[in-house]
Protein backbone atom coordinates (compact mmCIF):
# COMPACT_ATOMS: atom_id res chain seq x y z
CA MET A 1 -3.47 -18.25 41.34
CA GLU A 2 -1.72 -19.42 38.11
CA ASN A 3 -1.72 -16.52 35.96
CA GLU A 4 0.46 -17.36 33.61
CA GLN A 5 -1.86 -17.59 30.11
CA ILE A 6 -3.24 -14.23 31.30
CA ILE A 7 -1.36 -11.65 29.09
CA CYS A 8 -1.34 -7.60 28.99
CA ALA A 9 -3.90 -6.11 26.38
CA GLY A 10 -1.82 -3.23 26.61
CA CYS A 11 2.10 -4.71 26.04
CA GLY A 12 1.61 -8.18 25.61
CA VAL A 13 3.57 -9.28 28.58
CA HIS A 14 2.82 -12.10 30.78
CA ILE A 15 0.49 -10.67 33.93
CA GLN A 16 1.84 -11.59 37.51
CA THR A 17 1.08 -10.90 41.19
CA GLU A 18 3.15 -11.60 43.27
CA ASP A 19 6.09 -8.88 42.19
CA LYS A 20 5.49 -5.37 41.96
CA ASN A 21 9.19 -4.25 41.18
CA ALA A 22 8.79 -7.54 38.21
CA LEU A 23 7.66 -7.54 34.32
CA GLY A 24 3.75 -7.77 33.73
CA TYR A 25 2.93 -7.09 37.57
CA ALA A 26 -0.76 -6.08 38.61
CA PRO A 27 -2.58 -6.02 41.61
CA PRO A 28 -5.21 -8.66 42.25
CA SER A 29 -8.54 -6.82 41.51
CA ALA A 30 -6.86 -5.86 38.09
CA LEU A 31 -7.62 -9.95 37.46
CA LYS A 32 -11.17 -8.73 37.90
CA ARG A 33 -11.39 -6.48 35.00
CA ASP A 34 -12.98 -7.40 31.48
CA VAL A 35 -10.19 -6.36 29.84
CA ILE A 36 -6.57 -6.39 31.86
CA ILE A 37 -3.62 -4.52 31.61
CA CYS A 38 -0.21 -4.51 34.12
CA GLN A 39 0.57 -1.89 36.19
CA ARG A 40 3.37 -0.01 33.84
CA CYS A 41 0.78 0.46 30.83
CA PHE A 42 -1.59 1.92 33.36
CA ARG A 43 0.76 4.23 34.71
CA LEU A 44 1.83 5.13 31.26
CA LYS A 45 -1.72 5.72 30.00
CA HIS A 46 -3.20 7.54 32.74
CA TYR A 47 -0.49 9.19 34.23
CA ASN A 48 2.48 9.34 30.85
CA GLU A 49 4.80 7.85 33.32
CA ILE A 50 7.33 5.02 32.10
CA GLN A 51 8.87 2.23 34.03
CA ASP A 52 12.26 0.50 32.86
CA VAL A 53 11.76 -2.92 31.96
CA SER A 54 13.83 -5.96 31.98
CA LEU A 55 13.67 -6.70 27.63
CA THR A 56 16.67 -6.78 26.67
CA ASP A 57 18.29 -6.69 22.61
CA ASP A 58 17.85 -10.37 22.46
CA ASP A 59 14.50 -11.01 23.88
CA PHE A 60 13.22 -8.54 20.70
CA LEU A 61 16.40 -10.89 18.75
CA LYS A 62 14.78 -13.59 19.27
CA ILE A 63 11.05 -12.67 18.42
CA LEU A 64 12.32 -11.66 15.02
CA ASN A 65 14.65 -14.90 14.28
CA GLU A 66 11.06 -16.74 15.21
CA ILE A 67 9.50 -14.87 12.49
CA GLY A 68 11.20 -15.73 9.51
CA GLN A 69 10.33 -19.38 10.39
CA THR A 70 5.82 -18.57 9.73
CA ASP A 71 4.21 -17.72 6.01
CA ALA A 72 3.32 -14.41 6.63
CA LEU A 73 3.26 -10.95 5.83
CA ILE A 74 5.82 -8.80 7.30
CA VAL A 75 4.79 -5.28 6.89
CA LYS A 76 8.22 -3.28 7.92
CA ILE A 77 7.23 0.22 9.09
CA VAL A 78 9.86 3.29 9.38
CA ASP A 79 9.78 6.99 10.70
CA ILE A 80 10.09 8.97 7.50
CA PHE A 81 11.41 11.75 9.68
CA ASP A 82 14.13 9.33 10.83
CA PHE A 83 14.43 6.85 8.12
CA ASN A 84 18.14 6.04 8.70
CA GLY A 85 17.72 5.95 12.41
CA SER A 86 14.26 3.66 12.24
CA TRP A 87 15.90 1.40 9.71
CA LEU A 88 15.98 -2.14 11.10
CA PRO A 89 19.21 -3.92 10.12
CA GLY A 90 18.96 -6.97 8.29
CA ILE A 91 15.82 -6.99 7.92
CA GLN A 92 16.29 -9.52 4.75
CA ARG A 93 17.83 -11.93 7.09
CA PHE A 94 14.78 -11.76 9.67
CA ALA A 95 11.99 -11.78 7.04
CA GLY A 96 13.14 -15.27 5.77
CA GLY A 97 11.49 -15.85 2.34
CA ASN A 98 8.93 -13.80 3.06
CA PRO A 99 7.47 -10.54 1.33
CA VAL A 100 7.88 -7.08 2.78
CA LEU A 101 5.45 -4.33 2.42
CA LEU A 102 7.17 -1.10 3.32
CA VAL A 103 5.40 1.98 5.49
CA GLY A 104 6.69 5.29 6.13
CA ASN A 105 4.94 6.54 9.25
CA LYS A 106 4.48 10.50 10.62
CA VAL A 107 4.51 11.94 7.00
CA ASP A 108 1.95 14.21 8.09
CA LEU A 109 5.41 15.88 10.02
CA LEU A 110 7.22 16.42 6.80
CA PRO A 111 6.80 20.51 5.13
CA LYS A 112 3.37 20.08 2.31
CA SER A 113 5.60 21.24 -0.38
CA VAL A 114 7.20 17.44 -0.42
CA ASN A 115 6.33 15.10 -3.11
CA ARG A 116 4.93 12.13 -1.87
CA ALA A 117 5.83 10.27 -5.08
CA LYS A 118 9.23 11.17 -4.91
CA LEU A 119 10.04 10.25 -1.95
CA VAL A 120 7.81 7.17 -2.43
CA LYS A 121 11.50 6.37 -5.04
CA TRP A 122 13.88 7.79 -2.08
CA MET A 123 12.11 4.91 0.06
CA GLN A 124 12.33 2.17 -2.64
CA THR A 125 16.80 3.41 -3.74
CA SER A 126 17.32 3.60 -0.44
CA SER A 127 15.27 0.19 0.87
CA LYS A 128 17.47 -1.20 -2.19
CA GLU A 129 20.67 0.41 -1.00
CA ASN A 130 20.08 -1.19 2.76
CA GLY A 131 19.54 -4.78 1.25
CA LEU A 132 15.48 -4.96 1.04
CA LYS A 133 13.36 -5.15 -1.96
CA PRO A 134 10.02 -4.44 -0.50
CA ALA A 135 6.98 -5.40 -2.33
CA ASP A 136 5.76 -2.71 -1.94
CA VAL A 137 6.25 1.20 -0.17
CA MET A 138 3.25 3.68 0.95
CA LEU A 139 3.23 6.34 3.21
CA MET A 140 0.58 7.02 5.81
CA SER A 141 0.48 9.20 9.29
CA ALA A 142 -0.87 6.29 11.80
CA ASP A 143 -2.06 9.29 13.95
CA LYS A 144 -4.12 11.58 11.40
CA GLY A 145 -5.34 8.33 9.65
CA ASP A 146 -3.79 9.30 7.26
CA GLY A 147 -3.50 6.66 4.34
CA VAL A 148 -4.35 4.20 7.01
CA MET A 149 -7.24 2.63 4.70
CA ASP A 150 -4.93 2.06 1.78
CA VAL A 151 -1.56 0.61 3.99
CA ALA A 152 -4.98 -1.74 5.37
CA ALA A 153 -6.33 -2.67 1.72
CA GLU A 154 -2.32 -3.29 0.32
CA ILE A 155 -2.07 -5.78 3.99
CA ASP A 156 -5.27 -7.27 2.67
CA ARG A 157 -4.49 -8.06 -1.19
CA LEU A 158 -0.40 -8.92 -0.01
CA ARG A 159 -0.77 -11.73 2.69
CA ASP A 160 -3.19 -13.25 0.50
CA GLY A 161 -4.86 -15.57 3.20
CA ARG A 162 -1.78 -15.26 5.73
CA ASP A 163 -0.46 -13.83 9.23
CA VAL A 164 0.54 -10.29 9.35
CA TYR A 165 3.16 -8.94 11.74
CA ILE A 166 4.18 -5.26 11.74
CA ILE A 167 7.97 -4.65 12.42
CA GLY A 168 9.82 -1.90 13.72
CA CYS A 169 11.73 -0.05 15.77
CA THR A 170 10.80 1.51 18.79
CA ASN A 171 8.68 5.42 18.80
CA VAL A 172 8.11 4.89 14.66
CA GLY A 173 4.28 4.49 15.31
CA LYS A 174 3.59 0.67 15.07
CA SER A 175 1.10 0.19 18.06
CA THR A 176 -0.79 3.50 16.73
CA PHE A 177 -1.28 2.05 13.61
CA VAL A 178 -2.59 -1.12 14.89
CA ASN A 179 -4.84 0.93 17.19
CA ARG A 180 -5.96 2.89 14.44
CA LEU A 181 -7.24 -0.27 12.68
CA ILE A 182 -8.40 -1.70 15.91
CA HIS A 183 -10.98 1.93 16.17
CA GLU A 184 -11.88 2.03 12.06
CA PHE A 185 -12.98 -1.15 11.67
CA GLY A 186 -15.26 -0.91 15.28
CA GLY A 187 -13.34 -2.39 17.98
CA ASP A 188 -13.42 -1.50 21.63
CA GLU A 189 -11.67 1.62 22.97
CA GLU A 190 -10.24 -1.16 25.77
CA GLN A 191 -9.10 -3.06 23.15
CA MET A 192 -6.28 -0.64 22.25
CA ILE A 193 -2.40 -1.01 22.32
CA THR A 194 -0.73 1.70 25.13
CA THR A 195 1.05 3.95 22.73
CA SER A 196 3.59 6.79 24.13
CA GLN A 197 6.68 7.93 22.75
CA PHE A 198 8.76 6.77 24.84
CA PRO A 199 10.88 3.90 22.99
CA GLY A 200 10.49 0.05 24.32
CA THR A 201 6.09 0.18 25.24
CA THR A 202 5.28 -2.76 23.55
CA LEU A 203 7.12 -5.59 25.11
CA ASP A 204 5.87 -8.64 23.66
CA LEU A 205 4.01 -10.07 21.11
CA ILE A 206 0.18 -8.72 20.71
CA ASP A 207 -1.89 -10.81 18.46
CA ILE A 208 -5.46 -9.54 17.14
CA PRO A 209 -7.76 -11.78 15.17
CA LEU A 210 -8.82 -11.14 11.69
CA ASP A 211 -11.87 -11.98 9.90
CA ASP A 212 -10.65 -15.26 8.37
CA GLY A 213 -9.10 -17.22 11.50
CA ASN A 214 -5.54 -15.52 10.98
CA THR A 215 -3.70 -13.57 13.33
CA LEU A 216 -2.15 -9.67 13.14
CA TYR A 217 0.38 -9.65 16.01
CA ASP A 218 2.11 -6.21 16.50
CA THR A 219 5.82 -6.74 17.91
CA PRO A 220 8.11 -5.37 20.27
CA GLY A 221 10.12 -2.31 19.16
CA ILE A 222 13.82 -2.93 18.13
CA ILE A 223 15.97 -0.35 19.67
CA ASN A 224 17.90 1.39 18.00
CA HIS A 225 21.26 2.84 19.83
CA HIS A 226 22.18 4.95 17.93
CA GLN A 227 19.18 7.23 17.74
CA MET A 228 18.98 10.34 19.95
CA ALA A 229 16.28 9.25 21.76
CA HIS A 230 18.25 7.03 23.78
CA PHE A 231 20.83 10.25 25.17
CA VAL A 232 17.66 12.29 26.20
CA ASN A 233 15.08 12.46 29.16
CA ALA A 234 11.97 12.21 28.86
CA GLU A 235 10.64 15.54 29.30
CA GLU A 236 13.70 16.91 26.44
CA LEU A 237 12.38 13.68 24.15
CA LYS A 238 9.02 15.33 23.81
CA LEU A 239 10.82 19.11 23.11
CA ILE A 240 12.69 16.93 20.14
CA SER A 241 9.97 15.08 18.70
CA PRO A 242 8.07 16.91 16.28
CA LYS A 243 4.14 16.31 16.72
CA LYS A 244 3.23 18.27 13.62
CA GLU A 245 3.98 19.60 10.55
CA ILE A 246 7.96 21.27 10.91
CA LYS A 247 8.35 24.85 9.49
CA PRO A 248 12.07 24.70 8.06
CA LYS A 249 13.83 27.41 9.42
CA VAL A 250 16.61 28.93 6.93
CA PHE A 251 19.77 30.44 8.64
CA GLN A 252 22.11 32.20 5.51
CA LEU A 253 25.88 31.11 6.62
CA ASN A 254 29.34 32.29 5.94
CA GLU A 255 32.36 30.06 6.19
CA GLY A 256 33.18 29.89 9.56
CA GLN A 257 30.07 30.04 11.27
CA THR A 258 28.38 27.19 13.10
CA LEU A 259 25.08 26.04 14.09
CA PHE A 260 24.22 24.17 17.53
CA PHE A 261 20.48 21.98 17.94
CA GLY A 262 20.44 22.68 21.54
CA GLY A 263 22.85 21.32 23.10
CA LEU A 264 22.40 18.58 21.15
CA SER A 265 24.10 18.49 17.83
CA ARG A 266 26.91 21.27 16.48
CA LEU A 267 26.96 22.05 12.51
CA ASP A 268 30.32 23.63 11.45
CA PHE A 269 30.09 25.64 7.59
CA VAL A 270 33.85 25.16 7.56
CA GLU A 271 34.22 25.83 3.21
CA GLY A 272 32.21 26.93 0.59
CA GLY A 273 31.18 30.71 -0.22
CA ARG A 274 27.58 31.88 1.30
CA GLN A 275 24.34 29.91 2.00
CA SER A 276 20.96 28.73 2.74
CA PHE A 277 21.48 26.10 5.62
CA ILE A 278 17.21 25.11 5.56
CA CYS A 279 16.80 23.37 9.33
CA HIS A 280 14.36 20.50 9.27
CA VAL A 281 13.97 20.19 13.16
CA SER A 282 10.74 19.68 15.63
CA ASN A 283 10.03 23.67 16.04
CA ASP A 284 10.61 23.62 19.80
CA LEU A 285 13.51 23.20 19.43
CA TYR A 286 16.02 26.17 19.54
CA ILE A 287 19.02 26.78 17.27
CA HIS A 288 21.63 29.13 17.98
CA ARG A 289 24.11 30.55 15.55
CA THR A 290 27.56 31.62 16.32
CA LYS A 291 31.00 31.50 14.67
CA ILE A 292 33.49 28.63 14.99
CA GLU A 293 36.11 30.30 16.66
CA LYS A 294 33.65 31.09 19.73
CA ALA A 295 32.24 27.45 19.23
CA ASP A 296 33.86 25.57 22.26
CA GLU A 297 33.90 27.73 24.64
CA LEU A 298 29.97 28.16 24.07
CA TYR A 299 28.98 24.67 24.24
CA ARG A 300 31.43 24.27 27.79
CA ASP A 301 29.92 27.14 29.31
CA HIS A 302 26.28 27.10 28.54
CA LEU A 303 25.28 23.47 27.93
CA GLY A 304 22.26 23.16 29.84
CA GLU A 305 21.12 26.59 30.08
CA LEU A 306 21.55 28.69 26.47
CA LEU A 307 21.98 25.19 24.51
CA TYR A 308 18.54 22.83 26.22
CA PRO A 309 17.96 20.76 25.62
CA PRO A 310 20.61 18.68 27.27
CA GLY A 311 19.20 19.54 31.23
CA ASP A 312 21.46 19.19 34.04
CA GLN A 313 20.70 15.80 34.52
CA THR A 314 21.29 14.99 30.82
CA LYS A 315 23.96 16.53 30.56
CA LYS A 316 25.94 14.50 32.79
CA GLU A 317 25.38 11.77 31.41
CA LEU A 318 25.03 12.84 26.98
CA PRO A 319 28.44 11.53 25.69
CA SER A 320 30.98 13.58 23.90
CA LEU A 321 30.10 15.51 21.08
CA ILE A 322 31.82 13.52 18.01
CA GLY A 323 32.90 15.25 14.54
CA HIS A 324 31.89 14.05 11.25
CA GLU A 325 33.88 16.04 8.57
CA LEU A 326 31.18 15.50 5.16
CA ARG A 327 31.87 17.26 1.67
CA ILE A 328 28.67 18.10 -0.08
CA LYS A 329 28.62 16.19 -3.68
CA GLU A 330 25.34 17.11 -5.81
CA GLU A 331 23.69 20.33 -5.73
CA LYS A 332 21.30 19.60 -2.94
CA MET A 333 22.30 17.18 0.10
CA ASP A 334 20.79 16.08 3.87
CA ILE A 335 22.91 15.83 6.95
CA VAL A 336 21.10 14.07 9.18
CA PHE A 337 21.23 13.67 12.52
CA SER A 338 19.52 10.26 13.86
CA GLY A 339 16.37 11.01 15.72
CA LEU A 340 17.10 15.21 15.50
CA GLY A 341 16.35 15.85 11.65
CA TRP A 342 18.53 16.79 9.12
CA VAL A 343 19.97 20.20 7.76
CA THR A 344 19.82 20.49 3.99
CA VAL A 345 22.32 22.26 1.88
CA SER A 346 22.62 23.17 -1.97
CA GLY A 347 26.56 24.45 -2.17
CA LYS A 348 28.18 21.81 -4.36
CA GLY A 349 31.70 21.74 -3.12
CA THR A 350 30.56 22.92 0.59
CA THR A 351 32.38 21.23 3.46
CA VAL A 352 30.62 21.08 6.73
CA LYS A 353 31.92 19.48 10.24
CA ALA A 354 28.67 17.01 11.89
CA TYR A 355 28.92 16.36 15.34
CA ALA A 356 26.75 14.54 17.45
CA PRO A 357 26.73 12.86 21.03
CA GLU A 358 29.54 9.62 20.39
CA GLY A 359 26.90 6.12 19.44
CA VAL A 360 24.23 8.98 17.53
CA GLY A 361 23.94 8.08 13.87
CA VAL A 362 25.51 11.15 11.62
CA SER A 363 24.83 10.43 8.05
CA ILE A 364 24.42 12.48 4.39
CA ARG A 365 21.93 11.48 1.69
CA LYS A 366 20.25 13.04 -1.09
CA SER A 367 17.98 16.24 -0.29
CA LEU A 368 14.56 14.53 0.71
CA ILE A 369 12.72 17.54 -0.33
């Protein structure tokens, strides 16, 4: 049977029935269903199991380059909990001359004390620093539905009768957003796109027809290899990925003390007067305080036990922690660990050393809160 034209409704790949280990496999019996999904999506949807896929970064970049050749509205979604880690470098190059609507997702994870107007302004400034001047900046929670219809209305206004491409890094919530739109506008649950917290769920363009004959495309998530998600297994990813509003944890530290975030990152208080370090990470992530002089020994002897995650298996593959010395030059600044969270430090002139696995992004910014 010729299956080239059959597309998986969950991830967008071509369905094939010959090779169980290859991308897009579905048993022949699945072709009789009204809505056809590949075995990978079936297992992800029903058993929360993920299979490795063979798509490369080049495959993703090829799709992005093609978008630049079209006349369309681009909706770029970032994870507001991990803005730097989920930023797509060179987006202005991929956009061509198309307008870009920037949407910060997962706003429900931030403490309620966050001023949303200030957050939008911060996103605008950060976008310009990264070379992008968006047509508009909005906030939403695709998971909770907060702000989704406002974003939908702005998409309709900005697209002006053109196609729409939803783009972003893996795990920013693109497919959750599209599913929310399908639900809000009366779509069938069988049409829902496969979503999960695992990087790289959507594998090819998924097209959703719009009322005026144009199309909304959900694109594959581009993999940012400096995110923490790529250094942990599925169980550990659940632990470090917030599911609900984060509760800031405050530590009063003296110079010479250290905070460990599980065994995945570490922050040394090198120089400065006694002060508060406010940690914004998943509520489930254990933070351990010790002295700098004991930190190396503690890490060596208790990684994978007291300092968890990582577990034993991940521990063997985790790159060495690399230190980055940072100086607080303003009254309040955030030390950001890509994909894990951030620590707000208030003491101007304070020096810290932030450690993360080699390849994971560590940065400093003006305080978000």
